[in-house]
C-alpha cells in the first residue's frame, strides 16, 4: 500500500488541488455576496487611483494590506454566515450575535482601509486644486 505524501514531502498534485479549492471559494464569495463585490470594486478603484497618482511603494504596501484584509474579512464573514445557517437554519439569537460580530469585523477593517485611503489619496486630490 502506497502512503500519501510519504516522508512529509510536497505533493504538487495535492497543492494544485488545494489552490483549486481556494479559487472556487473566492469565486463563490464574489459571485454570491453583494458586499464582497462592492469591496472588490472599491479595491479595483483604489488600484486605478494608485496608478493614476503614482503612489509610492510604501503606499502600495498599505493599500495591498488593507484591501486584502477587507476581502479576506468579507470571505471569513461569509464562511461564518454559511456555517451558522447550516448549524441553525431557524432564527437563533446567539447565531445572530455571532453573525453580527463577524460583520463588525468586516466594518472595522473597512474603516481602517478607508482611513488609509484617505491618508494616501486626499492630499494627492487636494494638490490638484
C-alpha atoms as a PDB file:
ATOM      1  CA  UNK A   1       0.000   0.000   0.000  1.00  0.00           C
ATOM      2  CA  UNK A   2       1.415   3.368  -1.056  1.00  0.00           C
ATOM      3  CA  UNK A   3       1.398   6.094   1.576  1.00  0.00           C
ATOM      4  CA  UNK A   4       0.155   9.534   0.631  1.00  0.00           C
ATOM      5  CA  UNK A   5       2.893  12.119   0.712  1.00  0.00           C
ATOM      6  CA  UNK A   6       5.379   9.744   2.365  1.00  0.00           C
ATOM      7  CA  UNK A   7       8.148  11.481   4.222  1.00  0.00           C
ATOM      8  CA  UNK A   8       6.260  14.751   4.543  1.00  0.00           C
ATOM      9  CA  UNK A   9       7.361  15.993   1.135  1.00  0.00           C
ATOM     10  CA  UNK A  10       5.354  18.325  -1.013  1.00  0.00           C
ATOM     11  CA  UNK A  11       2.833  16.784  -3.364  1.00  0.00           C
ATOM     12  CA  UNK A  12       2.436  19.093  -6.339  1.00  0.00           C
ATOM     13  CA  UNK A  13      -0.824  17.388  -7.291  1.00  0.00           C
ATOM     14  CA  UNK A  14      -2.308  17.968  -3.818  1.00  0.00           C
ATOM     15  CA  UNK A  15      -1.002  21.538  -3.799  1.00  0.00           C
ATOM     16  CA  UNK A  16      -2.657  22.301  -7.145  1.00  0.00           C
ATOM     17  CA  UNK A  17      -5.925  20.761  -5.920  1.00  0.00           C
ATOM     18  CA  UNK A  18      -5.846  22.875  -2.755  1.00  0.00           C
ATOM     19  CA  UNK A  19      -5.338  26.048  -4.803  1.00  0.00           C
ATOM     20  CA  UNK A  20      -8.288  24.984  -6.952  1.00  0.00           C
ATOM     21  CA  UNK A  21     -10.468  24.659  -3.848  1.00  0.00           C
ATOM     22  CA  UNK A  22      -9.339  28.086  -2.653  1.00  0.00           C
ATOM     23  CA  UNK A  23     -10.107  29.712  -6.015  1.00  0.00           C
ATOM     24  CA  UNK A  24     -13.541  28.034  -6.027  1.00  0.00           C
ATOM     25  CA  UNK A  25     -14.231  29.575  -2.614  1.00  0.00           C
ATOM     26  CA  UNK A  26     -13.110  33.010  -3.749  1.00  0.00           C
ATOM     27  CA  UNK A  27     -15.210  32.762  -6.911  1.00  0.00           C
ATOM     28  CA  UNK A  28     -18.253  31.678  -4.911  1.00  0.00           C
ATOM     29  CA  UNK A  29     -17.937  34.584  -2.456  1.00  0.00           C
ATOM     30  CA  UNK A  30     -17.669  37.195  -5.216  1.00  0.00           C
ATOM     31  CA  UNK A  31     -20.441  35.663  -7.321  1.00  0.00           C
ATOM     32  CA  UNK A  32     -22.896  35.249  -4.436  1.00  0.00           C
ATOM     33  CA  UNK A  33     -22.178  38.048  -1.977  1.00  0.00           C
ATOM     34  CA  UNK A  34     -23.100  41.621  -2.901  1.00  0.00           C
ATOM     35  CA  UNK A  35     -20.908  43.177  -0.204  1.00  0.00           C
ATOM     36  CA  UNK A  36     -17.898  41.227  -1.453  1.00  0.00           C
ATOM     37  CA  UNK A  37     -18.463  42.622  -4.952  1.00  0.00           C
ATOM     38  CA  UNK A  38     -18.719  46.147  -3.532  1.00  0.00           C
ATOM     39  CA  UNK A  39     -15.433  45.692  -1.655  1.00  0.00           C
ATOM     40  CA  UNK A  40     -13.785  44.240  -4.767  1.00  0.00           C
ATOM     41  CA  UNK A  41     -14.974  47.208  -6.847  1.00  0.00           C
ATOM     42  CA  UNK A  42     -13.610  49.655  -4.263  1.00  0.00           C
ATOM     43  CA  UNK A  43     -10.291  47.790  -4.229  1.00  0.00           C
ATOM     44  CA  UNK A  44     -10.128  47.971  -8.040  1.00  0.00           C
ATOM     45  CA  UNK A  45     -10.875  51.707  -7.963  1.00  0.00           C
ATOM     46  CA  UNK A  46      -8.149  52.135  -5.360  1.00  0.00           C
ATOM     47  CA  UNK A  47      -5.649  50.330  -7.590  1.00  0.00           C
ATOM     48  CA  UNK A  48      -6.631  52.538 -10.537  1.00  0.00           C
ATOM     49  CA  UNK A  49      -6.245  55.642  -8.354  1.00  0.00           C
ATOM     50  CA  UNK A  50      -2.871  54.357  -7.166  1.00  0.00           C
ATOM     51  CA  UNK A  51      -1.674  54.001 -10.743  1.00  0.00           C
ATOM     52  CA  UNK A  52      -3.035  57.428 -11.726  1.00  0.00           C
ATOM     53  CA  UNK A  53      -1.467  59.172  -8.724  1.00  0.00           C
ATOM     54  CA  UNK A  54       1.733  57.120  -8.932  1.00  0.00           C
ATOM     55  CA  UNK A  55       1.715  56.242  -5.257  1.00  0.00           C
ATOM     56  CA  UNK A  56       4.944  55.144  -3.600  1.00  0.00           C
ATOM     57  CA  UNK A  57       5.983  51.575  -2.808  1.00  0.00           C
ATOM     58  CA  UNK A  58       5.141  52.110   0.872  1.00  0.00           C
ATOM     59  CA  UNK A  59       1.698  53.408  -0.107  1.00  0.00           C
ATOM     60  CA  UNK A  60       1.163  50.370  -2.360  1.00  0.00           C
ATOM     61  CA  UNK A  61       2.073  48.120   0.554  1.00  0.00           C
ATOM     62  CA  UNK A  62      -0.501  49.848   2.773  1.00  0.00           C
ATOM     63  CA  UNK A  63      -3.163  49.641   0.036  1.00  0.00           C
ATOM     64  CA  UNK A  64      -2.414  45.952  -0.570  1.00  0.00           C
ATOM     65  CA  UNK A  65      -2.548  45.062   3.116  1.00  0.00           C
ATOM     66  CA  UNK A  66      -5.807  46.853   3.901  1.00  0.00           C
ATOM     67  CA  UNK A  67      -7.510  45.858   0.638  1.00  0.00           C
ATOM     68  CA  UNK A  68      -6.506  42.235   1.133  1.00  0.00           C
ATOM     69  CA  UNK A  69      -7.644  42.470   4.746  1.00  0.00           C
ATOM     70  CA  UNK A  70     -11.088  43.715   3.758  1.00  0.00           C
ATOM     71  CA  UNK A  71     -11.528  40.999   1.115  1.00  0.00           C
ATOM     72  CA  UNK A  72     -10.291  38.296   3.492  1.00  0.00           C
ATOM     73  CA  UNK A  73     -12.565  39.556   6.285  1.00  0.00           C
ATOM     74  CA  UNK A  74     -15.546  39.512   3.917  1.00  0.00           C
ATOM     75  CA  UNK A  75     -14.674  35.920   2.981  1.00  0.00           C
ATOM     76  CA  UNK A  76     -14.408  34.896   6.663  1.00  0.00           C
ATOM     77  CA  UNK A  77     -17.722  36.642   7.329  1.00  0.00           C
ATOM     78  CA  UNK A  78     -19.366  34.712   4.502  1.00  0.00           C
ATOM     79  CA  UNK A  79     -17.930  31.468   5.896  1.00  0.00           C
ATOM     80  CA  UNK A  80     -19.250  32.198   9.367  1.00  0.00           C
ATOM     81  CA  UNK A  81     -22.688  33.082   7.986  1.00  0.00           C
ATOM     82  CA  UNK A  82     -22.870  29.911   5.878  1.00  0.00           C
ATOM     83  CA  UNK A  83     -21.742  27.688   8.735  1.00  0.00           C
ATOM     84  CA  UNK A  84     -24.147  29.391  11.141  1.00  0.00           C
ATOM     85  CA  UNK A  85     -27.055  28.917   8.740  1.00  0.00           C
ATOM     86  CA  UNK A  86     -26.178  25.252   8.349  1.00  0.00           C
ATOM     87  CA  UNK A  87     -25.950  24.686  12.112  1.00  0.00           C
ATOM     88  CA  UNK A  88     -29.102  26.624  12.930  1.00  0.00           C
ATOM     89  CA  UNK A  89     -31.416  27.251   9.957  1.00  0.00           C
ATOM     90  CA  UNK A  90     -34.085  28.700  12.238  1.00  0.00           C
ATOM     91  CA  UNK A  91     -33.661  32.058  13.981  1.00  0.00           C
ATOM     92  CA  UNK A  92     -31.320  31.846  16.936  1.00  0.00           C
ATOM     93  CA  UNK A  93     -30.307  34.908  18.975  1.00  0.00           C
ATOM     94  CA  UNK A  94     -26.827  33.507  19.681  1.00  0.00           C
ATOM     95  CA  UNK A  95     -26.235  32.804  15.976  1.00  0.00           C
ATOM     96  CA  UNK A  96     -27.434  36.337  15.163  1.00  0.00           C
ATOM     97  CA  UNK A  97     -24.907  37.729  17.621  1.00  0.00           C
ATOM     98  CA  UNK A  98     -22.109  35.644  16.089  1.00  0.00           C
ATOM     99  CA  UNK A  99     -23.034  36.897  12.607  1.00  0.00           C
ATOM    100  CA  UNK A 100     -23.097  40.472  13.925  1.00  0.00           C
ATOM    101  CA  UNK A 101     -19.601  40.004  15.382  1.00  0.00           C
ATOM    102  CA  UNK A 102     -18.303  38.808  12.019  1.00  0.00           C
ATOM    103  CA  UNK A 103     -19.986  41.680  10.179  1.00  0.00           C
ATOM    104  CA  UNK A 104     -18.497  44.077  12.739  1.00  0.00           C
ATOM    105  CA  UNK A 105     -15.024  42.723  12.000  1.00  0.00           C
ATOM    106  CA  UNK A 106     -15.529  43.499   8.313  1.00  0.00           C
ATOM    107  CA  UNK A 107     -16.664  47.008   9.194  1.00  0.00           C
ATOM    108  CA  UNK A 108     -13.607  47.594  11.400  1.00  0.00           C
ATOM    109  CA  UNK A 109     -11.123  46.659   8.668  1.00  0.00           C
ATOM    110  CA  UNK A 110     -13.157  48.533   6.034  1.00  0.00           C
ATOM    111  CA  UNK A 111     -12.996  51.694   8.166  1.00  0.00           C
ATOM    112  CA  UNK A 112      -9.254  51.181   8.614  1.00  0.00           C
ATOM    113  CA  UNK A 113      -8.917  50.781   4.834  1.00  0.00           C
ATOM    114  CA  UNK A 114     -10.916  53.977   4.287  1.00  0.00           C
ATOM    115  CA  UNK A 115      -8.613  55.792   6.719  1.00  0.00           C
ATOM    116  CA  UNK A 116      -5.528  54.522   4.868  1.00  0.00           C
ATOM    117  CA  UNK A 117      -7.105  55.554   1.563  1.00  0.00           C
ATOM    118  CA  UNK A 118      -7.852  58.996   2.949  1.00  0.00           C
ATOM    119  CA  UNK A 119      -4.323  59.440   4.263  1.00  0.00           C
ATOM    120  CA  UNK A 120      -2.850  58.422   0.907  1.00  0.00           C
ATOM    121  CA  UNK A 121      -5.266  59.961  -1.579  1.00  0.00           C
ATOM    122  CA  UNK A 122      -6.788  63.097  -0.008  1.00  0.00           C
ATOM    123  CA  UNK A 123      -3.527  65.087  -0.117  1.00  0.00           C
ATOM    124  CA  UNK A 124      -2.966  63.998  -3.722  1.00  0.00           C
ATOM    125  CA  UNK A 125      -6.507  65.018  -4.698  1.00  0.00           C
ATOM    126  CA  UNK A 126      -6.187  68.336  -2.836  1.00  0.00           C
ATOM    127  CA  UNK A 127      -2.955  69.066  -4.722  1.00  0.00           C
ATOM    128  CA  UNK A 128      -4.954  69.020  -7.960  1.00  0.00           C
ATOM    129  CA  UNK A 129      -6.889  72.133  -6.857  1.00  0.00           C
END
